[in-house]
Amino acid sequence: MIRKILYFLGLMLVMQGCGVYNFTGGNVGTAKTFQIPQFQNFAAQNIGSTFEPGVDRDFTLAMQDLILNQTNLALVPNNADLIYEGEITEYRVAPITATAQQTAAQNRLTIRVNVRFYNNTKEDADFERPFSFFFDFDASDLLESVKSEAHEAIFERITQDIFNASLADW
């Protein structure tokens, strides 16, 4: 009986000790909550960039999902410990390679997001900076046909980069 109790207590200590580690590298410190107001879409204000309806909503949801999935933080509408806000500043499709006939062989969709991060539990962690990524696709494909795949790949990379800049403790 005593042996079972000691085994159980030892197991509890091991489990308790493992509680501070996670495989994502996220360190939320003492933060318990986060908020991500909808990112604004200012891409059309950048020369050569276009306005893509709904990309602001989709990016905001992707960012919220990443934080929810990789931390134990609760999403709240205001007064959060961690705040992510910003705007989409570029949504651009441009040719990147050409054929012998001097036509585009490949196009690149680039999305740039400016992010302001506020950590109300550790103010020296605050920052404002741009994050961007791209998706290359065949020039014979319409953007509409690859948009879903492109957005998913770009959002995955940008949101992970934002997460790493704000919470990764590597």
C-alpha atoms as a PDB file:
ATOM      1  CA  MET A   1       0.000   0.000   0.000  1.00  0.00           C
ATOM      2  CA  ILE A   2       2.751   2.468   0.959  1.00  0.00           C
ATOM      3  CA  ARG A   3       4.579   1.517  -2.197  1.00  0.00           C
ATOM      4  CA  LYS A   4       1.506   2.479  -4.296  1.00  0.00           C
ATOM      5  CA  ILE A   5       1.197   5.802  -2.483  1.00  0.00           C
ATOM      6  CA  LEU A   6       4.884   6.615  -3.043  1.00  0.00           C
ATOM      7  CA  TYR A   7       4.589   5.620  -6.696  1.00  0.00           C
ATOM      8  CA  PHE A   8       1.509   7.832  -7.086  1.00  0.00           C
ATOM      9  CA  LEU A   9       3.216  10.798  -5.366  1.00  0.00           C
ATOM     10  CA  GLY A  10       6.323  10.334  -7.537  1.00  0.00           C
ATOM     11  CA  LEU A  11       4.171  10.234 -10.651  1.00  0.00           C
ATOM     12  CA  MET A  12       2.370  13.409  -9.583  1.00  0.00           C
ATOM     13  CA  LEU A  13       5.699  15.210  -9.035  1.00  0.00           C
ATOM     14  CA  VAL A  14       6.921  14.175 -12.474  1.00  0.00           C
ATOM     15  CA  MET A  15       3.676  15.291 -14.110  1.00  0.00           C
ATOM     16  CA  GLN A  16       3.762  18.590 -12.219  1.00  0.00           C
ATOM     17  CA  GLY A  17       7.358  19.194 -13.314  1.00  0.00           C
ATOM     18  CA  CYS A  18       6.483  18.618 -16.953  1.00  0.00           C
ATOM     19  CA  GLY A  19       3.720  21.194 -16.835  1.00  0.00           C
ATOM     20  CA  VAL A  20       5.992  24.142 -17.599  1.00  0.00           C
ATOM     21  CA  TYR A  21       7.250  22.724 -20.881  1.00  0.00           C
ATOM     22  CA  ASN A  22       5.474  22.541 -24.188  1.00  0.00           C
ATOM     23  CA  PHE A  23       6.529  21.508 -27.659  1.00  0.00           C
ATOM     24  CA  THR A  24       5.695  24.801 -29.343  1.00  0.00           C
ATOM     25  CA  GLY A  25       8.274  26.811 -27.433  1.00  0.00           C
ATOM     26  CA  GLY A  26       5.641  29.291 -26.319  1.00  0.00           C
ATOM     27  CA  ASN A  27       6.286  31.086 -23.060  1.00  0.00           C
ATOM     28  CA  VAL A  28       3.221  33.007 -21.933  1.00  0.00           C
ATOM     29  CA  GLY A  29       4.755  33.889 -18.569  1.00  0.00           C
ATOM     30  CA  THR A  30       2.022  35.010 -16.186  1.00  0.00           C
ATOM     31  CA  ALA A  31      -0.411  35.912 -18.960  1.00  0.00           C
ATOM     32  CA  LYS A  32      -3.818  34.254 -18.854  1.00  0.00           C
ATOM     33  CA  THR A  33      -5.687  36.026 -21.682  1.00  0.00           C
ATOM     34  CA  PHE A  34      -5.159  37.434 -25.144  1.00  0.00           C
ATOM     35  CA  GLN A  35      -7.124  39.511 -27.594  1.00  0.00           C
ATOM     36  CA  ILE A  36      -6.858  39.974 -31.323  1.00  0.00           C
ATOM     37  CA  PRO A  37      -9.140  42.688 -32.667  1.00  0.00           C
ATOM     38  CA  GLN A  38      -9.846  42.261 -36.364  1.00  0.00           C
ATOM     39  CA  PHE A  39      -6.870  43.283 -38.450  1.00  0.00           C
ATOM     40  CA  GLN A  40      -7.662  46.138 -40.822  1.00  0.00           C
ATOM     41  CA  ASN A  41      -7.155  45.747 -44.565  1.00  0.00           C
ATOM     42  CA  PHE A  42      -5.097  48.710 -45.800  1.00  0.00           C
ATOM     43  CA  ALA A  43      -3.489  46.825 -48.705  1.00  0.00           C
ATOM     44  CA  ALA A  44      -5.082  49.066 -51.339  1.00  0.00           C
ATOM     45  CA  GLN A  45      -3.139  52.034 -49.926  1.00  0.00           C
ATOM     46  CA  ASN A  46       0.136  50.435 -51.027  1.00  0.00           C
ATOM     47  CA  ILE A  47       1.054  51.119 -54.683  1.00  0.00           C
ATOM     48  CA  GLY A  48       0.794  47.921 -56.733  1.00  0.00           C
ATOM     49  CA  SER A  49      -1.170  46.164 -54.024  1.00  0.00           C
ATOM     50  CA  THR A  50      -4.829  45.228 -54.282  1.00  0.00           C
ATOM     51  CA  PHE A  51      -7.721  45.043 -51.869  1.00  0.00           C
ATOM     52  CA  GLU A  52      -8.859  41.464 -51.233  1.00  0.00           C
ATOM     53  CA  PRO A  53     -12.227  41.343 -49.434  1.00  0.00           C
ATOM     54  CA  GLY A  54     -12.310  39.078 -46.401  1.00  0.00           C
ATOM     55  CA  VAL A  55      -8.570  38.584 -46.077  1.00  0.00           C
ATOM     56  CA  ASP A  56      -8.581  40.676 -42.881  1.00  0.00           C
ATOM     57  CA  ARG A  57     -11.206  38.448 -41.262  1.00  0.00           C
ATOM     58  CA  ASP A  58      -9.522  35.239 -42.406  1.00  0.00           C
ATOM     59  CA  PHE A  59      -6.113  36.349 -41.134  1.00  0.00           C
ATOM     60  CA  THR A  60      -7.532  37.406 -37.773  1.00  0.00           C
ATOM     61  CA  LEU A  61      -9.223  34.025 -37.339  1.00  0.00           C
ATOM     62  CA  ALA A  62      -6.030  32.184 -38.331  1.00  0.00           C
ATOM     63  CA  MET A  63      -4.066  34.155 -35.731  1.00  0.00           C
ATOM     64  CA  GLN A  64      -6.665  33.502 -33.026  1.00  0.00           C
ATOM     65  CA  ASP A  65      -6.709  29.782 -33.852  1.00  0.00           C
ATOM     66  CA  LEU A  66      -2.926  29.511 -33.650  1.00  0.00           C
ATOM     67  CA  ILE A  67      -2.738  31.142 -30.210  1.00  0.00           C
ATOM     68  CA  LEU A  68      -5.642  29.034 -28.932  1.00  0.00           C
ATOM     69  CA  ASN A  69      -4.059  25.830 -30.240  1.00  0.00           C
ATOM     70  CA  GLN A  70      -0.504  26.476 -29.072  1.00  0.00           C
ATOM     71  CA  THR A  71      -1.126  28.003 -25.651  1.00  0.00           C
ATOM     72  CA  ASN A  72      -3.529  27.710 -22.754  1.00  0.00           C
ATOM     73  CA  LEU A  73      -4.513  31.383 -23.038  1.00  0.00           C
ATOM     74  CA  ALA A  74      -8.168  32.409 -23.142  1.00  0.00           C
ATOM     75  CA  LEU A  75      -9.430  34.651 -25.936  1.00  0.00           C
ATOM     76  CA  VAL A  76     -11.204  37.713 -24.525  1.00  0.00           C
ATOM     77  CA  PRO A  77     -12.770  40.768 -26.205  1.00  0.00           C
ATOM     78  CA  ASN A  78     -10.894  43.375 -24.110  1.00  0.00           C
ATOM     79  CA  ASN A  79      -8.567  43.971 -21.143  1.00  0.00           C
ATOM     80  CA  ALA A  80      -6.301  41.080 -22.144  1.00  0.00           C
ATOM     81  CA  ASP A  81      -2.805  40.364 -20.890  1.00  0.00           C
ATOM     82  CA  LEU A  82      -1.526  39.973 -24.472  1.00  0.00           C
ATOM     83  CA  ILE A  83      -2.815  42.074 -27.354  1.00  0.00           C
ATOM     84  CA  TYR A  84      -2.117  41.530 -31.039  1.00  0.00           C
ATOM     85  CA  GLU A  85      -3.317  44.215 -33.401  1.00  0.00           C
ATOM     86  CA  GLY A  86      -2.398  45.485 -36.797  1.00  0.00           C
ATOM     87  CA  GLU A  87      -3.231  45.751 -40.438  1.00  0.00           C
ATOM     88  CA  ILE A  88      -2.686  44.003 -43.739  1.00  0.00           C
ATOM     89  CA  THR A  89      -0.472  46.404 -45.657  1.00  0.00           C
ATOM     90  CA  GLU A  90       0.195  44.461 -48.850  1.00  0.00           C
ATOM     91  CA  TYR A  91      -1.660  41.974 -51.036  1.00  0.00           C
ATOM     92  CA  ARG A  92       0.246  41.779 -54.284  1.00  0.00           C
ATOM     93  CA  VAL A  93       0.410  39.407 -57.234  1.00  0.00           C
ATOM     94  CA  ALA A  94       3.492  39.855 -59.398  1.00  0.00           C
ATOM     95  CA  PRO A  95       5.249  37.815 -62.074  1.00  0.00           C
ATOM     96  CA  ILE A  96       8.483  36.198 -60.892  1.00  0.00           C
ATOM     97  CA  THR A  97       9.709  34.135 -63.849  1.00  0.00           C
ATOM     98  CA  ALA A  98       9.334  34.566 -67.582  1.00  0.00           C
ATOM     99  CA  THR A  99       9.139  32.266 -70.581  1.00  0.00           C
ATOM    100  CA  ALA A 100      11.102  32.571 -73.822  1.00  0.00           C
ATOM    101  CA  GLN A 101       8.058  34.353 -75.257  1.00  0.00           C
ATOM    102  CA  GLN A 102       8.477  37.025 -72.567  1.00  0.00           C
ATOM    103  CA  THR A 103       5.302  36.080 -70.716  1.00  0.00           C
ATOM    104  CA  ALA A 104       5.009  35.189 -67.056  1.00  0.00           C
ATOM    105  CA  ALA A 105       5.684  31.556 -66.206  1.00  0.00           C
ATOM    106  CA  GLN A 106       5.034  31.965 -62.499  1.00  0.00           C
ATOM    107  CA  ASN A 107       3.309  34.489 -60.307  1.00  0.00           C
ATOM    108  CA  ARG A 108       3.856  35.241 -56.640  1.00  0.00           C
ATOM    109  CA  LEU A 109       1.187  36.281 -54.164  1.00  0.00           C
ATOM    110  CA  THR A 110       2.755  38.236 -51.316  1.00  0.00           C
ATOM    111  CA  ILE A 111       0.926  39.259 -48.149  1.00  0.00           C
ATOM    112  CA  ARG A 112       2.480  41.653 -45.640  1.00  0.00           C
ATOM    113  CA  VAL A 113       1.039  42.299 -42.202  1.00  0.00           C
ATOM    114  CA  ASN A 114       2.102  44.991 -39.741  1.00  0.00           C
ATOM    115  CA  VAL A 115       1.698  43.792 -36.141  1.00  0.00           C
ATOM    116  CA  ARG A 116       1.717  45.603 -32.837  1.00  0.00           C
ATOM    117  CA  PHE A 117       2.146  43.279 -29.853  1.00  0.00           C
ATOM    118  CA  TYR A 118       1.547  44.427 -26.301  1.00  0.00           C
ATOM    119  CA  ASN A 119       2.391  42.250 -23.324  1.00  0.00           C
ATOM    120  CA  ASN A 120       0.734  43.839 -20.297  1.00  0.00           C
ATOM    121  CA  THR A 121       2.544  41.416 -17.973  1.00  0.00           C
ATOM    122  CA  LYS A 122       6.022  42.096 -19.393  1.00  0.00           C
ATOM    123  CA  GLU A 123       6.219  45.469 -21.113  1.00  0.00           C
ATOM    124  CA  ASP A 124       9.762  45.106 -22.438  1.00  0.00           C
ATOM    125  CA  ALA A 125       8.376  42.397 -24.764  1.00  0.00           C
ATOM    126  CA  ASP A 126       6.207  44.868 -26.751  1.00  0.00           C
ATOM    127  CA  PHE A 127       7.011  45.365 -30.430  1.00  0.00           C
ATOM    128  CA  GLU A 128       5.728  46.667 -33.746  1.00  0.00           C
ATOM    129  CA  ARG A 129       7.014  45.102 -36.941  1.00  0.00           C
ATOM    130  CA  PRO A 130       6.020  43.762 -40.358  1.00  0.00           C
ATOM    131  CA  PHE A 131       5.701  40.086 -41.247  1.00  0.00           C
ATOM    132  CA  SER A 132       5.312  38.771 -44.772  1.00  0.00           C
ATOM    133  CA  PHE A 133       5.331  35.610 -46.793  1.00  0.00           C
ATOM    134  CA  PHE A 134       4.526  34.522 -50.331  1.00  0.00           C
ATOM    135  CA  PHE A 135       3.026  31.748 -52.422  1.00  0.00           C
ATOM    136  CA  ASP A 136       4.216  30.985 -55.939  1.00  0.00           C
ATOM    137  CA  PHE A 137       1.828  29.599 -58.538  1.00  0.00           C
ATOM    138  CA  ASP A 138       1.781  28.849 -62.242  1.00  0.00           C
ATOM    139  CA  ALA A 139       0.938  31.886 -64.356  1.00  0.00           C
ATOM    140  CA  SER A 140      -1.617  29.852 -66.285  1.00  0.00           C
ATOM    141  CA  ASP A 141      -3.616  29.434 -63.049  1.00  0.00           C
ATOM    142  CA  LEU A 142      -5.998  32.126 -61.960  1.00  0.00           C
ATOM    143  CA  LEU A 143      -5.492  33.464 -58.467  1.00  0.00           C
ATOM    144  CA  GLU A 144      -9.061  32.418 -57.673  1.00  0.00           C
ATOM    145  CA  SER A 145      -8.174  28.767 -58.285  1.00  0.00           C
ATOM    146  CA  VAL A 146      -5.222  28.768 -55.850  1.00  0.00           C
ATOM    147  CA  LYS A 147      -6.354  31.459 -53.409  1.00  0.00           C
ATOM    148  CA  SER A 148      -7.524  29.107 -50.660  1.00  0.00           C
ATOM    149  CA  GLU A 149      -4.296  27.085 -50.727  1.00  0.00           C
ATOM    150  CA  ALA A 150      -2.197  30.250 -50.988  1.00  0.00           C
ATOM    151  CA  HIS A 151      -3.891  31.982 -48.063  1.00  0.00           C
ATOM    152  CA  GLU A 152      -3.577  28.873 -45.902  1.00  0.00           C
ATOM    153  CA  ALA A 153       0.165  28.539 -46.601  1.00  0.00           C
ATOM    154  CA  ILE A 154       0.871  32.247 -46.171  1.00  0.00           C
ATOM    155  CA  PHE A 155      -1.230  32.618 -43.009  1.00  0.00           C
ATOM    156  CA  GLU A 156       0.358  29.527 -41.466  1.00  0.00           C
ATOM    157  CA  ARG A 157       3.837  30.956 -41.944  1.00  0.00           C
ATOM    158  CA  ILE A 158       3.052  34.535 -40.905  1.00  0.00           C
ATOM    159  CA  THR A 159       1.054  33.562 -37.815  1.00  0.00           C
ATOM    160  CA  GLN A 160       3.806  31.166 -36.716  1.00  0.00           C
ATOM    161  CA  ASP A 161       6.410  33.911 -37.219  1.00  0.00           C
ATOM    162  CA  ILE A 162       4.299  36.301 -35.110  1.00  0.00           C
ATOM    163  CA  PHE A 163       3.879  33.631 -32.431  1.00  0.00           C
ATOM    164  CA  ASN A 164       7.635  33.010 -32.384  1.00  0.00           C
ATOM    165  CA  ALA A 165       8.426  36.740 -32.161  1.00  0.00           C
ATOM    166  CA  SER A 166       5.960  37.294 -29.330  1.00  0.00           C
ATOM    167  CA  LEU A 167       6.030  34.102 -27.266  1.00  0.00           C
ATOM    168  CA  ALA A 168       8.812  31.750 -28.334  1.00  0.00           C
ATOM    169  CA  ASP A 169      11.564  31.451 -25.792  1.00  0.00           C
ATOM    170  CA  TRP A 170      14.320  29.933 -27.901  1.00  0.00           C
END
